[in-house]
């Protein structure tokens, strides 16, 4: 069964790039929400959605079945591989 993966990132965030690279190298299909590239209303909606999963609204935030805040390769492997 394929797990739905959503990643909230910022375009300039080094840890966000690591998460995206990890997912791509491991063939994980994911939905990317690059919050700082969205327009005002979309950015507001994405930030509110992020806060539902991670009240600290830190980047990157990966949502699988639970939230993985930051770049945590071990947690990503455990959930996705």
PDB file of N, CA and C in Angstrom:
ATOM      1  N   UNK A   1       0.836  -1.179   0.000  1.00  0.00           N
ATOM      2  CA  UNK A   1       0.000   0.000   0.000  1.00  0.00           C
ATOM      3  C   UNK A   1       0.885   1.248   0.000  1.00  0.00           C
ATOM      4  N   UNK A   2       0.612   2.169  -0.908  1.00  0.00           N
ATOM      5  CA  UNK A   2       1.362   3.410  -0.992  1.00  0.00           C
ATOM      6  C   UNK A   2       0.873   4.375   0.067  1.00  0.00           C
ATOM      7  N   UNK A   3       1.809   4.968   0.772  1.00  0.00           N
ATOM      8  CA  UNK A   3       1.475   5.938   1.801  1.00  0.00           C
ATOM      9  C   UNK A   3       1.465   7.327   1.186  1.00  0.00           C
ATOM     10  N   UNK A   4       0.494   8.139   1.605  1.00  0.00           N
ATOM     11  CA  UNK A   4       0.428   9.516   1.138  1.00  0.00           C
ATOM     12  C   UNK A   4       1.465  10.328   1.914  1.00  0.00           C
ATOM     13  N   UNK A   5       2.349  10.972   1.187  1.00  0.00           N
ATOM     14  CA  UNK A   5       3.426  11.753   1.787  1.00  0.00           C
ATOM     15  C   UNK A   5       3.298  13.198   1.319  1.00  0.00           C
ATOM     16  N   UNK A   6       3.288  14.116   2.272  1.00  0.00           N
ATOM     17  CA  UNK A   6       3.260  15.541   1.965  1.00  0.00           C
ATOM     18  C   UNK A   6       4.431  16.191   2.682  1.00  0.00           C
ATOM     19  N   UNK A   7       5.156  17.045   1.960  1.00  0.00           N
ATOM     20  CA  UNK A   7       6.311  17.719   2.533  1.00  0.00           C
ATOM     21  C   UNK A   7       6.106  19.233   2.402  1.00  0.00           C
ATOM     22  N   UNK A   8       6.169  19.916   3.534  1.00  0.00           N
ATOM     23  CA  UNK A   8       6.108  21.376   3.568  1.00  0.00           C
ATOM     24  C   UNK A   8       7.541  21.884   3.642  1.00  0.00           C
ATOM     25  N   UNK A   9       7.929  22.732   2.690  1.00  0.00           N
ATOM     26  CA  UNK A   9       9.306  23.218   2.622  1.00  0.00           C
ATOM     27  C   UNK A   9       9.355  24.710   2.340  1.00  0.00           C
ATOM     28  N   UNK A  10      10.573  25.238   2.426  1.00  0.00           N
ATOM     29  CA  UNK A  10      10.897  26.572   1.944  1.00  0.00           C
ATOM     30  C   UNK A  10      11.944  26.397   0.851  1.00  0.00           C
ATOM     31  N   UNK A  11      11.895  27.201  -0.173  1.00  0.00           N
ATOM     32  CA  UNK A  11      12.781  27.027  -1.328  1.00  0.00           C
ATOM     33  C   UNK A  11      14.256  27.225  -0.995  1.00  0.00           C
ATOM     34  N   UNK A  12      14.567  27.954   0.067  1.00  0.00           N
ATOM     35  CA  UNK A  12      15.958  28.261   0.407  1.00  0.00           C
ATOM     36  C   UNK A  12      16.496  27.431   1.571  1.00  0.00           C
ATOM     37  N   UNK A  13      15.735  26.470   2.040  1.00  0.00           N
ATOM     38  CA  UNK A  13      16.062  25.702   3.246  1.00  0.00           C
ATOM     39  C   UNK A  13      16.951  24.498   2.924  1.00  0.00           C
ATOM     40  N   UNK A  14      18.189  24.450   3.462  1.00  0.00           N
ATOM     41  CA  UNK A  14      19.078  23.318   3.198  1.00  0.00           C
ATOM     42  C   UNK A  14      18.517  21.975   3.686  1.00  0.00           C
ATOM     43  N   UNK A  15      17.906  21.945   4.854  1.00  0.00           N
ATOM     44  CA  UNK A  15      17.330  20.690   5.362  1.00  0.00           C
ATOM     45  C   UNK A  15      16.170  20.238   4.487  1.00  0.00           C
ATOM     46  N   UNK A  16      15.422  21.182   3.930  1.00  0.00           N
ATOM     47  CA  UNK A  16      14.320  20.843   3.033  1.00  0.00           C
ATOM     48  C   UNK A  16      14.850  20.144   1.784  1.00  0.00           C
ATOM     49  N   UNK A  17      15.959  20.636   1.271  1.00  0.00           N
ATOM     50  CA  UNK A  17      16.584  20.014   0.095  1.00  0.00           C
ATOM     51  C   UNK A  17      17.018  18.583   0.413  1.00  0.00           C
ATOM     52  N   UNK A  18      17.505  18.350   1.631  1.00  0.00           N
ATOM     53  CA  UNK A  18      17.915  17.003   2.031  1.00  0.00           C
ATOM     54  C   UNK A  18      16.720  16.051   2.048  1.00  0.00           C
ATOM     55  N   UNK A  19      15.587  16.519   2.562  1.00  0.00           N
ATOM     56  CA  UNK A  19      14.391  15.670   2.600  1.00  0.00           C
ATOM     57  C   UNK A  19      13.948  15.332   1.182  1.00  0.00           C
ATOM     58  N   UNK A  20      13.891  16.333   0.306  1.00  0.00           N
ATOM     59  CA  UNK A  20      13.478  16.082  -1.077  1.00  0.00           C
ATOM     60  C   UNK A  20      14.427  15.107  -1.768  1.00  0.00           C
ATOM     61  N   UNK A  21      15.722  15.285  -1.562  1.00  0.00           N
ATOM     62  CA  UNK A  21      16.713  14.372  -2.147  1.00  0.00           C
ATOM     63  C   UNK A  21      16.512  12.955  -1.625  1.00  0.00           C
ATOM     64  N   UNK A  22      16.318  12.817  -0.318  1.00  0.00           N
ATOM     65  CA  UNK A  22      16.091  11.503   0.284  1.00  0.00           C
ATOM     66  C   UNK A  22      14.883  10.827  -0.364  1.00  0.00           C
ATOM     67  N   UNK A  23      13.790  11.542  -0.470  1.00  0.00           N
ATOM     68  CA  UNK A  23      12.569  10.964  -1.034  1.00  0.00           C
ATOM     69  C   UNK A  23      12.776  10.572  -2.491  1.00  0.00           C
ATOM     70  N   UNK A  24      13.399  11.436  -3.257  1.00  0.00           N
ATOM     71  CA  UNK A  24      13.615  11.155  -4.677  1.00  0.00           C
ATOM     72  C   UNK A  24      14.575   9.981  -4.878  1.00  0.00           C
ATOM     73  N   UNK A  25      15.653   9.937  -4.095  1.00  0.00           N
ATOM     74  CA  UNK A  25      16.618   8.835  -4.229  1.00  0.00           C
ATOM     75  C   UNK A  25      16.007   7.483  -3.868  1.00  0.00           C
ATOM     76  N   UNK A  26      14.976   7.509  -3.029  1.00  0.00           N
ATOM     77  CA  UNK A  26      14.335   6.276  -2.602  1.00  0.00           C
ATOM     78  C   UNK A  26      13.025   6.002  -3.337  1.00  0.00           C
ATOM     79  N   UNK A  27      12.753   6.766  -4.386  1.00  0.00           N
ATOM     80  CA  UNK A  27      11.583   6.527  -5.226  1.00  0.00           C
ATOM     81  C   UNK A  27      10.252   6.754  -4.524  1.00  0.00           C
ATOM     82  N   UNK A  28      10.245   7.642  -3.531  1.00  0.00           N
ATOM     83  CA  UNK A  28       9.020   7.932  -2.787  1.00  0.00           C
ATOM     84  C   UNK A  28       8.254   9.037  -3.513  1.00  0.00           C
ATOM     85  N   UNK A  29       7.005   8.763  -3.841  1.00  0.00           N
ATOM     86  CA  UNK A  29       6.142   9.765  -4.460  1.00  0.00           C
ATOM     87  C   UNK A  29       5.613  10.656  -3.346  1.00  0.00           C
ATOM     88  N   UNK A  30       5.698  11.967  -3.550  1.00  0.00           N
ATOM     89  CA  UNK A  30       5.256  12.892  -2.504  1.00  0.00           C
ATOM     90  C   UNK A  30       4.656  14.144  -3.114  1.00  0.00           C
ATOM     91  N   UNK A  31       3.865  14.813  -2.294  1.00  0.00           N
ATOM     92  CA  UNK A  31       3.307  16.107  -2.664  1.00  0.00           C
ATOM     93  C   UNK A  31       4.181  17.164  -2.011  1.00  0.00           C
ATOM     94  N   UNK A  32       4.683  18.086  -2.804  1.00  0.00           N
ATOM     95  CA  UNK A  32       5.550  19.150  -2.318  1.00  0.00           C
ATOM     96  C   UNK A  32       4.750  20.438  -2.186  1.00  0.00           C
ATOM     97  N   UNK A  33       4.824  21.036  -1.013  1.00  0.00           N
ATOM     98  CA  UNK A  33       4.237  22.362  -0.807  1.00  0.00           C
ATOM     99  C   UNK A  33       5.378  23.281  -0.402  1.00  0.00           C
ATOM    100  N   UNK A  34       5.855  24.055  -1.366  1.00  0.00           N
ATOM    101  CA  UNK A  34       6.962  24.980  -1.140  1.00  0.00           C
ATOM    102  C   UNK A  34       6.342  26.327  -0.763  1.00  0.00           C
ATOM    103  N   UNK A  35       6.182  26.517   0.522  1.00  0.00           N
ATOM    104  CA  UNK A  35       5.334  27.575   1.064  1.00  0.00           C
ATOM    105  C   UNK A  35       5.760  28.970   0.620  1.00  0.00           C
ATOM    106  N   UNK A  36       7.041  29.266   0.600  1.00  0.00           N
ATOM    107  CA  UNK A  36       7.482  30.628   0.276  1.00  0.00           C
ATOM    108  C   UNK A  36       7.330  30.995  -1.194  1.00  0.00           C
ATOM    109  N   UNK A  37       7.004  30.033  -2.029  1.00  0.00           N
ATOM    110  CA  UNK A  37       6.812  30.340  -3.451  1.00  0.00           C
ATOM    111  C   UNK A  37       5.347  30.549  -3.809  1.00  0.00           C
ATOM    112  N   UNK A  38       4.465  30.370  -2.834  1.00  0.00           N
ATOM    113  CA  UNK A  38       3.028  30.531  -3.076  1.00  0.00           C
ATOM    114  C   UNK A  38       2.637  31.999  -2.969  1.00  0.00           C
ATOM    115  N   UNK A  39       1.501  32.358  -3.599  1.00  0.00           N
ATOM    116  CA  UNK A  39       1.024  33.734  -3.462  1.00  0.00           C
ATOM    117  C   UNK A  39       0.385  33.904  -2.083  1.00  0.00           C
ATOM    118  N   UNK A  40       0.015  35.112  -1.746  1.00  0.00           N
ATOM    119  CA  UNK A  40      -0.462  35.456  -0.410  1.00  0.00           C
ATOM    120  C   UNK A  40      -1.527  34.548   0.177  1.00  0.00           C
ATOM    121  N   UNK A  41      -2.640  34.357  -0.525  1.00  0.00           N
ATOM    122  CA  UNK A  41      -3.725  33.546   0.033  1.00  0.00           C
ATOM    123  C   UNK A  41      -3.371  32.064   0.079  1.00  0.00           C
ATOM    124  N   UNK A  42      -2.659  31.580  -0.946  1.00  0.00           N
ATOM    125  CA  UNK A  42      -2.219  30.176  -0.939  1.00  0.00           C
ATOM    126  C   UNK A  42      -1.192  29.946   0.167  1.00  0.00           C
ATOM    127  N   UNK A  43      -0.310  30.918   0.368  1.00  0.00           N
ATOM    128  CA  UNK A  43       0.707  30.804   1.408  1.00  0.00           C
ATOM    129  C   UNK A  43       0.042  30.752   2.791  1.00  0.00           C
ATOM    130  N   UNK A  44      -0.952  31.590   2.995  1.00  0.00           N
ATOM    131  CA  UNK A  44      -1.680  31.604   4.257  1.00  0.00           C
ATOM    132  C   UNK A  44      -2.362  30.250   4.492  1.00  0.00           C
ATOM    133  N   UNK A  45      -3.014  29.710   3.483  1.00  0.00           N
ATOM    134  CA  UNK A  45      -3.702  28.423   3.609  1.00  0.00           C
ATOM    135  C   UNK A  45      -2.702  27.293   3.885  1.00  0.00           C
ATOM    136  N   UNK A  46      -1.560  27.313   3.199  1.00  0.00           N
ATOM    137  CA  UNK A  46      -0.549  26.278   3.407  1.00  0.00           C
ATOM    138  C   UNK A  46       0.043  26.365   4.809  1.00  0.00           C
ATOM    139  N   UNK A  47       0.262  27.568   5.295  1.00  0.00           N
ATOM    140  CA  UNK A  47       0.799  27.753   6.645  1.00  0.00           C
ATOM    141  C   UNK A  47      -0.191  27.263   7.692  1.00  0.00           C
ATOM    142  N   UNK A  48      -1.460  27.511   7.475  1.00  0.00           N
ATOM    143  CA  UNK A  48      -2.486  27.012   8.406  1.00  0.00           C
ATOM    144  C   UNK A  48      -2.536  25.491   8.382  1.00  0.00           C
ATOM    145  N   UNK A  49      -2.436  24.891   7.206  1.00  0.00           N
ATOM    146  CA  UNK A  49      -2.430  23.430   7.094  1.00  0.00           C
ATOM    147  C   UNK A  49      -1.193  22.857   7.784  1.00  0.00           C
ATOM    148  N   UNK A  50      -0.046  23.463   7.572  1.00  0.00           N
ATOM    149  CA  UNK A  50       1.180  23.034   8.230  1.00  0.00           C
ATOM    150  C   UNK A  50       1.014  23.077   9.749  1.00  0.00           C
ATOM    151  N   UNK A  51       0.440  24.149  10.267  1.00  0.00           N
ATOM    152  CA  UNK A  51       0.274  24.309  11.714  1.00  0.00           C
ATOM    153  C   UNK A  51      -0.634  23.230  12.312  1.00  0.00           C
ATOM    154  N   UNK A  52      -1.549  22.675  11.522  1.00  0.00           N
ATOM    155  CA  UNK A  52      -2.396  21.574  12.005  1.00  0.00           C
ATOM    156  C   UNK A  52      -1.546  20.344  12.320  1.00  0.00           C
ATOM    157  N   UNK A  53      -0.511  20.132  11.533  1.00  0.00           N
ATOM    158  CA  UNK A  53       0.349  18.969  11.690  1.00  0.00           C
ATOM    159  C   UNK A  53       1.538  19.242  12.606  1.00  0.00           C
ATOM    160  N   UNK A  54       2.044  20.465  12.553  1.00  0.00           N
ATOM    161  CA  UNK A  54       3.238  20.849  13.309  1.00  0.00           C
ATOM    162  C   UNK A  54       3.024  22.265  13.834  1.00  0.00           C
ATOM    163  N   UNK A  55       2.503  22.400  15.053  1.00  0.00           N
ATOM    164  CA  UNK A  55       2.196  23.726  15.601  1.00  0.00           C
ATOM    165  C   UNK A  55       3.399  24.677  15.621  1.00  0.00           C
ATOM    166  N   UNK A  56       4.613  24.143  15.621  1.00  0.00           N
ATOM    167  CA  UNK A  56       5.800  24.999  15.580  1.00  0.00           C
ATOM    168  C   UNK A  56       6.046  25.551  14.179  1.00  0.00           C
ATOM    169  N   UNK A  57       5.376  24.979  13.194  1.00  0.00           N
ATOM    170  CA  UNK A  57       5.498  25.406  11.794  1.00  0.00           C
ATOM    171  C   UNK A  57       6.957  25.489  11.357  1.00  0.00           C
ATOM    172  N   UNK A  58       7.725  24.466  11.683  1.00  0.00           N
ATOM    173  CA  UNK A  58       9.132  24.435  11.290  1.00  0.00           C
ATOM    174  C   UNK A  58       9.275  23.702   9.950  1.00  0.00           C
ATOM    175  N   UNK A  59      10.373  24.009   9.276  1.00  0.00           N
ATOM    176  CA  UNK A  59      10.631  23.436   7.960  1.00  0.00           C
ATOM    177  C   UNK A  59      11.919  22.645   7.983  1.00  0.00           C
ATOM    178  N   UNK A  60      11.947  21.528   7.293  1.00  0.00           N
ATOM    179  CA  UNK A  60      10.845  20.896   6.584  1.00  0.00           C
ATOM    180  C   UNK A  60       9.933  20.152   7.553  1.00  0.00           C
ATOM    181  N   UNK A  61       8.698  19.965   7.145  1.00  0.00           N
ATOM    182  CA  UNK A  61       7.772  19.099   7.870  1.00  0.00           C
ATOM    183  C   UNK A  61       7.261  18.071   6.879  1.00  0.00           C
ATOM    184  N   UNK A  62       7.467  16.802   7.213  1.00  0.00           N
ATOM    185  CA  UNK A  62       7.016  15.693   6.383  1.00  0.00           C
ATOM    186  C   UNK A  62       5.857  15.020   7.096  1.00  0.00           C
ATOM    187  N   UNK A  63       4.743  14.884   6.405  1.00  0.00           N
ATOM    188  CA  UNK A  63       3.566  14.240   6.975  1.00  0.00           C
ATOM    189  C   UNK A  63       3.359  12.920   6.236  1.00  0.00           C
ATOM    190  N   UNK A  64       3.436  11.816   6.983  1.00  0.00           N
ATOM    191  CA  UNK A  64       3.173  10.498   6.417  1.00  0.00           C
ATOM    192  C   UNK A  64       1.939   9.997   7.145  1.00  0.00           C
ATOM    193  N   UNK A  65       2.122   9.271   8.207  1.00  0.00           N
ATOM    194  CA  UNK A  65       1.013   8.903   9.083  1.00  0.00           C
ATOM    195  C   UNK A  65       1.097   9.743  10.343  1.00  0.00           C
ATOM    196  N   UNK A  66       2.259  10.287  10.552  1.00  0.00           N
ATOM    197  CA  UNK A  66       2.503  11.198  11.650  1.00  0.00           C
ATOM    198  C   UNK A  66       3.470  12.241  11.128  1.00  0.00           C
ATOM    199  N   UNK A  67       3.756  13.243  11.912  1.00  0.00           N
ATOM    200  CA  UNK A  67       4.621  14.327  11.478  1.00  0.00           C
ATOM    201  C   UNK A  67       6.077  13.980  11.758  1.00  0.00           C
ATOM    202  N   UNK A  68       6.930  14.262  10.792  1.00  0.00           N
ATOM    203  CA  UNK A  68       8.373  14.176  10.984  1.00  0.00           C
ATOM    204  C   UNK A  68       8.897  15.583  10.718  1.00  0.00           C
ATOM    205  N   UNK A  69       9.255  16.279  11.779  1.00  0.00           N
ATOM    206  CA  UNK A  69       9.732  17.650  11.647  1.00  0.00           C
ATOM    207  C   UNK A  69      11.241  17.635  11.444  1.00  0.00           C
ATOM    208  N   UNK A  70      11.720  18.478  10.541  1.00  0.00           N
ATOM    209  CA  UNK A  70      13.142  18.530  10.262  1.00  0.00           C
ATOM    210  C   UNK A  70      13.575  17.385   9.365  1.00  0.00           C
ATOM    211  N   UNK A  71      14.871  17.294   9.138  1.00  0.00           N
ATOM    212  CA  UNK A  71      15.410  16.195   8.335  1.00  0.00           C
ATOM    213  C   UNK A  71      15.889  15.114   9.286  1.00  0.00           C
ATOM    214  N   UNK A  72      15.150  14.012   9.339  1.00  0.00           N
ATOM    215  CA  UNK A  72      15.484  12.884  10.199  1.00  0.00           C
ATOM    216  C   UNK A  72      15.470  11.630   9.329  1.00  0.00           C
ATOM    217  N   UNK A  73      16.640  11.295   8.772  1.00  0.00           N
ATOM    218  CA  UNK A  73      16.737  10.179   7.828  1.00  0.00           C
ATOM    219  C   UNK A  73      16.253   8.873   8.447  1.00  0.00           C
ATOM    220  N   UNK A  74      16.565   8.629   9.714  1.00  0.00           N
ATOM    221  CA  UNK A  74      16.136   7.383  10.360  1.00  0.00           C
ATOM    222  C   UNK A  74      14.619   7.305  10.452  1.00  0.00           C
ATOM    223  N   UNK A  75      13.979   8.402  10.828  1.00  0.00           N
ATOM    224  CA  UNK A  75      12.511   8.410  10.919  1.00  0.00           C
ATOM    225  C   UNK A  75      11.888   8.249   9.540  1.00  0.00           C
ATOM    226  N   UNK A  76      12.466   8.891   8.519  1.00  0.00           N
ATOM    227  CA  UNK A  76      11.953   8.750   7.162  1.00  0.00           C
ATOM    228  C   UNK A  76      12.091   7.306   6.683  1.00  0.00           C
ATOM    229  N   UNK A  77      13.245   6.690   6.933  1.00  0.00           N
ATOM    230  CA  UNK A  77      13.429   5.289   6.549  1.00  0.00           C
ATOM    231  C   UNK A  77      12.410   4.391   7.232  1.00  0.00           C
ATOM    232  N   UNK A  78      12.218   4.605   8.542  1.00  0.00           N
ATOM    233  CA  UNK A  78      11.299   3.759   9.306  1.00  0.00           C
ATOM    234  C   UNK A  78       9.870   3.855   8.786  1.00  0.00           C
ATOM    235  N   UNK A  79       9.454   5.021   8.362  1.00  0.00           N
ATOM    236  CA  UNK A  79       8.088   5.212   7.888  1.00  0.00           C
ATOM    237  C   UNK A  79       7.888   4.839   6.427  1.00  0.00           C
ATOM    238  N   UNK A  80       8.934   4.994   5.620  1.00  0.00           N
ATOM    239  CA  UNK A  80       8.741   4.914   4.176  1.00  0.00           C
ATOM    240  C   UNK A  80       9.430   3.750   3.478  1.00  0.00           C
ATOM    241  N   UNK A  81      10.417   3.155   4.086  1.00  0.00           N
ATOM    242  CA  UNK A  81      11.152   2.097   3.383  1.00  0.00           C
ATOM    243  C   UNK A  81      10.900   0.736   4.004  1.00  0.00           C
TER     244      UNK A  81
END
